[in-house]
Protein backbone atom coordinates (compact mmCIF):
# COMPACT_ATOMS: atom_id res chain seq x y z
CA MET A 1 -14.98 8.92 5.76
CA SER A 2 -13.18 9.29 8.85
CA ARG A 3 -9.76 11.38 9.95
CA VAL A 4 -7.00 9.57 8.08
CA GLU A 5 -9.24 9.10 5.29
CA ASN A 6 -9.84 12.90 5.21
CA TYR A 7 -6.33 13.55 5.50
CA ILE A 8 -5.76 11.57 2.54
CA ASN A 9 -7.81 13.35 0.66
CA ASP A 10 -6.39 16.74 1.95
CA GLU A 11 -2.99 15.70 0.94
CA LEU A 12 -4.18 14.94 -2.39
CA LYS A 13 -5.85 18.04 -3.07
CA ARG A 14 -2.49 19.81 -2.05
CA HIS A 15 -0.06 18.00 -3.95
CA LYS A 16 -2.16 16.11 -6.57
CA LYS A 17 -0.12 12.71 -6.15
CA ILE A 18 1.22 11.30 -2.89
CA CYS A 19 3.80 8.46 -1.73
CA PHE A 20 3.33 6.18 1.19
CA ALA A 21 6.43 4.50 2.43
CA LEU A 22 6.13 0.72 3.37
CA LEU A 23 8.30 -0.28 6.15
CA ASP A 24 8.00 -4.10 6.26
CA SER A 25 8.60 -4.86 9.96
CA GLU A 26 11.07 -7.64 9.61
CA ASN A 27 13.49 -6.13 7.09
CA PHE A 28 14.81 -2.76 8.97
CA GLU A 29 17.07 -2.73 12.11
CA ASP A 30 15.66 1.04 12.71
CA ILE A 31 12.79 1.07 11.33
CA ALA A 32 11.34 4.19 13.47
CA GLY A 33 14.72 5.97 12.13
CA VAL A 34 13.52 5.37 8.63
CA ALA A 35 10.29 6.32 9.16
CA LYS A 36 11.42 9.93 10.20
CA LYS A 37 13.40 10.32 7.41
CA VAL A 38 11.16 9.73 5.00
CA GLU A 39 8.21 11.80 6.76
CA SER A 40 11.22 14.37 6.17
CA LEU A 41 11.36 13.72 2.43
CA GLY A 42 7.87 14.23 2.04
CA ALA A 43 6.10 10.65 2.47
CA SER A 44 2.21 11.26 3.30
CA ALA A 45 2.01 8.25 5.55
CA ILE A 46 3.74 5.06 6.72
CA LEU A 47 2.68 1.43 5.73
CA VAL A 48 3.64 -1.13 8.10
CA GLY A 49 3.05 -4.79 7.66
CA GLY A 50 3.84 -7.00 5.15
CA SER A 51 2.89 -10.36 3.60
CA SER A 52 5.33 -12.45 5.82
CA ALA A 53 4.98 -10.52 9.40
CA ILE A 54 3.75 -12.77 12.07
CA ASP A 55 4.60 -11.27 15.28
CA GLN A 56 2.03 -9.46 16.64
CA LEU A 57 3.57 -8.35 19.48
CA ASP A 58 6.76 -7.38 17.71
CA LEU A 59 4.74 -5.31 15.37
CA ASP A 60 2.64 -3.29 17.79
CA LYS A 61 5.95 -2.59 19.52
CA LEU A 62 7.31 -1.23 16.04
CA VAL A 63 4.04 1.04 15.59
CA ILE A 64 4.64 2.19 19.03
CA SER A 65 7.85 3.54 18.12
CA ILE A 66 7.13 4.79 15.02
CA LYS A 67 4.21 7.05 16.18
CA SER A 68 6.74 8.26 18.63
CA ILE A 69 8.70 10.27 16.47
CA ILE A 70 6.52 10.97 13.69
CA SER A 71 3.53 12.98 13.03
CA ILE A 72 2.08 11.42 9.81
CA PRO A 73 -0.09 8.37 10.02
CA VAL A 74 0.93 4.95 10.67
CA ILE A 75 -1.24 2.72 8.52
CA LEU A 76 -1.30 -0.94 8.53
CA PHE A 77 -1.07 -2.93 5.88
CA PRO A 78 -1.87 -6.66 7.00
CA GLY A 79 -0.63 -9.59 5.41
CA ASN A 80 -3.02 -11.75 8.13
CA VAL A 81 -5.02 -11.29 10.90
CA THR A 82 -1.82 -10.86 12.98
CA GLY A 83 -1.06 -7.68 11.00
CA VAL A 84 -3.38 -5.81 13.31
CA SER A 85 -1.80 -3.17 16.03
CA PRO A 86 -4.36 -1.36 18.43
CA ASN A 87 -1.77 1.91 18.10
CA ALA A 88 -2.07 2.55 14.61
CA ASP A 89 -4.23 5.11 13.08
CA ALA A 90 -5.61 2.98 10.56
CA ILE A 91 -5.42 0.03 8.44
CA LEU A 92 -5.87 -0.77 4.76
CA PHE A 93 -8.59 -3.27 5.15
CA THR A 94 -8.02 -5.40 2.21
CA SER A 95 -9.54 -8.06 0.12
CA LEU A 96 -7.56 -9.95 -2.10
CA LEU A 97 -9.85 -9.87 -4.77
CA ASN A 98 -7.86 -11.96 -7.38
CA SER A 99 -6.98 -14.91 -4.50
CA GLU A 100 -8.22 -18.27 -5.29
CA ASP A 101 -8.20 -19.12 -1.62
CA PRO A 102 -11.73 -17.60 -0.13
CA TYR A 103 -9.68 -17.08 3.28
CA PHE A 104 -7.81 -13.90 1.82
CA ILE A 105 -10.87 -12.83 0.32
CA SER A 106 -13.31 -12.50 2.98
CA GLY A 107 -12.26 -15.15 5.61
CA ALA A 108 -9.01 -13.41 7.44
CA GLN A 109 -11.30 -10.06 7.20
CA ALA A 110 -14.19 -11.29 9.18
CA LEU A 111 -11.44 -12.77 11.54
CA GLY A 112 -9.67 -9.37 12.18
CA ALA A 113 -12.90 -7.20 12.03
CA LEU A 114 -13.68 -7.78 15.78
CA LEU A 115 -9.99 -6.69 16.37
CA VAL A 116 -10.24 -3.18 14.28
CA LYS A 117 -13.71 -2.48 15.76
CA LYS A 118 -12.71 -3.27 19.67
CA TYR A 119 -9.17 -0.89 18.86
CA ASN A 120 -10.95 1.57 17.29
CA ILE A 121 -8.60 1.54 14.09
CA GLU A 122 -9.74 3.28 11.10
CA PRO A 123 -10.60 0.99 8.29
CA LEU A 124 -9.92 2.23 4.76
CA PRO A 125 -11.91 -0.37 2.52
CA THR A 126 -9.45 -1.49 -0.17
CA GLY A 127 -9.43 -3.74 -2.96
CA TYR A 128 -6.17 -5.39 -3.18
CA ILE A 129 -5.51 -6.96 -6.69
CA ILE A 130 -2.14 -8.71 -7.49
CA ILE A 131 -0.41 -8.04 -10.59
CA GLY A 132 2.03 -11.06 -11.94
CA ASP A 133 3.73 -13.72 -9.63
CA ASN A 134 6.68 -14.95 -8.04
CA THR A 135 6.52 -12.50 -5.29
CA THR A 136 5.85 -13.08 -1.73
CA ALA A 137 2.31 -11.35 -1.66
CA TRP A 138 1.25 -13.70 -4.70
CA PHE A 139 2.66 -17.01 -2.92
CA ILE A 140 1.37 -16.36 0.47
CA GLY A 141 -1.94 -14.69 -0.76
CA ARG A 142 -2.41 -17.75 -3.41
CA ALA A 143 -3.32 -14.95 -5.93
CA LYS A 144 -4.04 -15.91 -9.74
CA GLY A 145 -1.87 -13.10 -10.82
CA ILE A 146 -3.27 -10.90 -13.48
CA PRO A 147 -1.05 -11.01 -16.25
CA PHE A 148 0.99 -7.33 -16.90
CA GLU A 149 -0.24 -6.75 -20.28
CA LYS A 150 -4.04 -7.71 -19.23
CA SER A 151 -4.97 -4.55 -18.22
CA ASN A 152 -8.82 -5.29 -19.16
CA ILE A 153 -9.14 -7.96 -16.45
CA ALA A 154 -7.54 -5.38 -13.77
CA VAL A 155 -10.12 -3.37 -14.93
CA MET A 156 -13.05 -5.47 -14.07
CA TYR A 157 -11.45 -6.19 -11.01
CA SER A 158 -11.22 -2.76 -10.03
CA LEU A 159 -14.65 -2.22 -10.94
CA ALA A 160 -16.00 -5.10 -8.85
CA ALA A 161 -13.96 -3.31 -6.11
CA GLN A 162 -16.14 -0.25 -6.60
CA TYR A 163 -19.47 -1.64 -6.61
CA LEU A 164 -18.76 -3.83 -3.60
CA GLY A 165 -18.15 0.02 -2.10
CA MET A 166 -14.29 0.06 -1.70
CA ARG A 167 -12.85 3.36 -1.82
CA PHE A 168 -9.66 2.53 -2.73
CA VAL A 169 -8.12 0.15 -5.24
CA TYR A 170 -4.34 -1.25 -4.66
CA LEU A 171 -2.52 -2.46 -7.83
CA GLU A 172 0.34 -4.45 -6.46
CA ALA A 173 3.22 -5.85 -8.43
CA GLY A 174 4.77 -7.12 -5.03
CA SER A 175 7.73 -6.58 -2.61
CA GLY A 176 11.04 -6.76 -5.36
CA ALA A 177 8.94 -7.28 -8.16
CA LYS A 178 11.16 -7.14 -11.17
CA LYS A 179 8.62 -5.22 -13.22
CA ASN A 180 6.28 -2.31 -12.12
CA VAL A 181 2.34 -2.00 -13.20
CA SER A 182 2.60 -0.58 -16.42
CA ALA A 183 1.34 2.89 -17.10
CA GLU A 184 -1.25 1.62 -19.70
CA MET A 185 -2.94 -0.58 -17.04
CA ILE A 186 -3.02 2.23 -14.70
CA SER A 187 -4.63 4.68 -17.56
CA ASN A 188 -7.16 1.83 -18.31
CA VAL A 189 -8.16 1.25 -14.48
CA ARG A 190 -8.13 5.00 -14.10
CA LYS A 191 -10.67 5.61 -17.11
CA TYR A 192 -13.37 3.33 -14.87
CA TYR A 193 -12.46 3.21 -11.22
CA ASP A 194 -13.68 6.22 -9.41
CA GLY A 195 -11.98 5.76 -6.21
CA LEU A 196 -8.34 6.35 -5.09
CA LEU A 197 -5.98 4.14 -6.88
CA ILE A 198 -2.93 2.91 -5.15
CA VAL A 199 0.31 1.35 -7.18
CA GLY A 200 2.90 -0.47 -5.51
CA GLY A 201 5.72 -2.67 -6.54
CA GLY A 202 8.95 -2.20 -8.76
CA ILE A 203 8.81 1.95 -8.43
CA LYS A 204 12.52 2.14 -8.59
CA ASN A 205 13.32 5.64 -9.52
CA SER A 206 11.78 8.82 -10.17
CA SER A 207 11.07 8.24 -13.99
CA ILE A 208 9.06 5.17 -13.11
CA ALA A 209 7.04 7.42 -10.53
CA LYS A 210 6.30 10.15 -12.89
CA GLU A 211 5.31 7.85 -15.69
CA LEU A 212 2.63 5.84 -13.04
CA ALA A 213 1.40 9.20 -11.52
CA GLU A 214 0.63 10.61 -14.87
CA ALA A 215 -0.86 7.73 -16.07
CA GLY A 216 -3.50 8.04 -12.83
CA ALA A 217 -2.13 6.50 -9.86
CA ASP A 218 -3.07 8.73 -6.73
CA ILE A 219 -0.96 7.26 -4.19
CA LEU A 220 2.38 5.51 -4.95
CA VAL A 221 3.94 2.95 -2.40
CA VAL A 222 7.73 2.69 -2.00
CA GLY A 223 9.12 -0.19 -0.06
CA THR A 224 11.85 -2.43 -1.27
CA LEU A 225 13.95 0.46 -2.35
CA LEU A 226 14.33 1.92 1.05
CA GLU A 227 15.15 -2.10 1.88
CA ARG A 228 18.00 -2.67 -0.86
CA ASP A 229 19.14 0.47 -2.46
CA PRO A 230 22.44 2.45 -0.47
CA ASP A 231 21.44 5.58 -1.99
CA TRP A 232 17.66 5.37 -1.34
CA GLU A 233 17.28 8.97 0.24
CA LYS A 234 18.05 10.70 -2.87
CA LYS A 235 16.13 8.51 -4.96
CA PHE A 236 13.31 9.08 -2.43
CA ASN A 237 13.68 12.64 -2.35
CA ASP A 238 13.48 12.51 -6.24
CA ILE A 239 10.56 10.33 -6.40
CA ILE A 240 8.55 13.11 -4.50
CA LEU A 241 9.62 16.07 -6.22
CA ALA A 242 9.02 13.91 -9.75
CA ILE A 243 5.45 13.24 -8.51
CA ARG A 244 4.64 16.57 -7.48
CA SER A 245 5.95 18.49 -10.32
């Protein structure tokens, strides 16, 4: 483990549960300002990326602008090889395990690996599992989405990720998802998967966040709330307080 992964583990020791803010590079006019605000509210890291982000130069400018005003890590969350910025602290080096297209399981990873090495970006090995369907991540990644009620399938994929050496699993309902990953699914995955469990998609308020954290999620990812809710600052603060209580 390297600097950012050690930092994440230290944050978990300190707070028990933590939250990352996902800032899609295409959906914010003042992305650096939002990053600064969520840092002040208690976010442990900033995820930058998105399933449809395609302009690598603009992405790098955004990463530089964010890092210039915050002290928490900036972690790339790429939807493709264009989502690699040399100025980021780390990258969720994800394999979309339930994609029907080998490109998103290992092809894009092979193409991007040399860039990660060249830029000296810390890779965080992550099994990425899409739950449900009809979201951007589901469409772009050509995923065979796991039904929300089929937690045993999520368990199988999570165990496969563990046995492949992935220290993180990310259960993703998708940006703008109408439903969040259920507490039951998280609880069942937690019984078997020994690594750090990330959960994102559909986390709209503190009550949902608290339920998912208590079910076994280590890290919650909040993104759409920051983009669409005019009262996002209060709700994000409430989420942080709820998962740490």
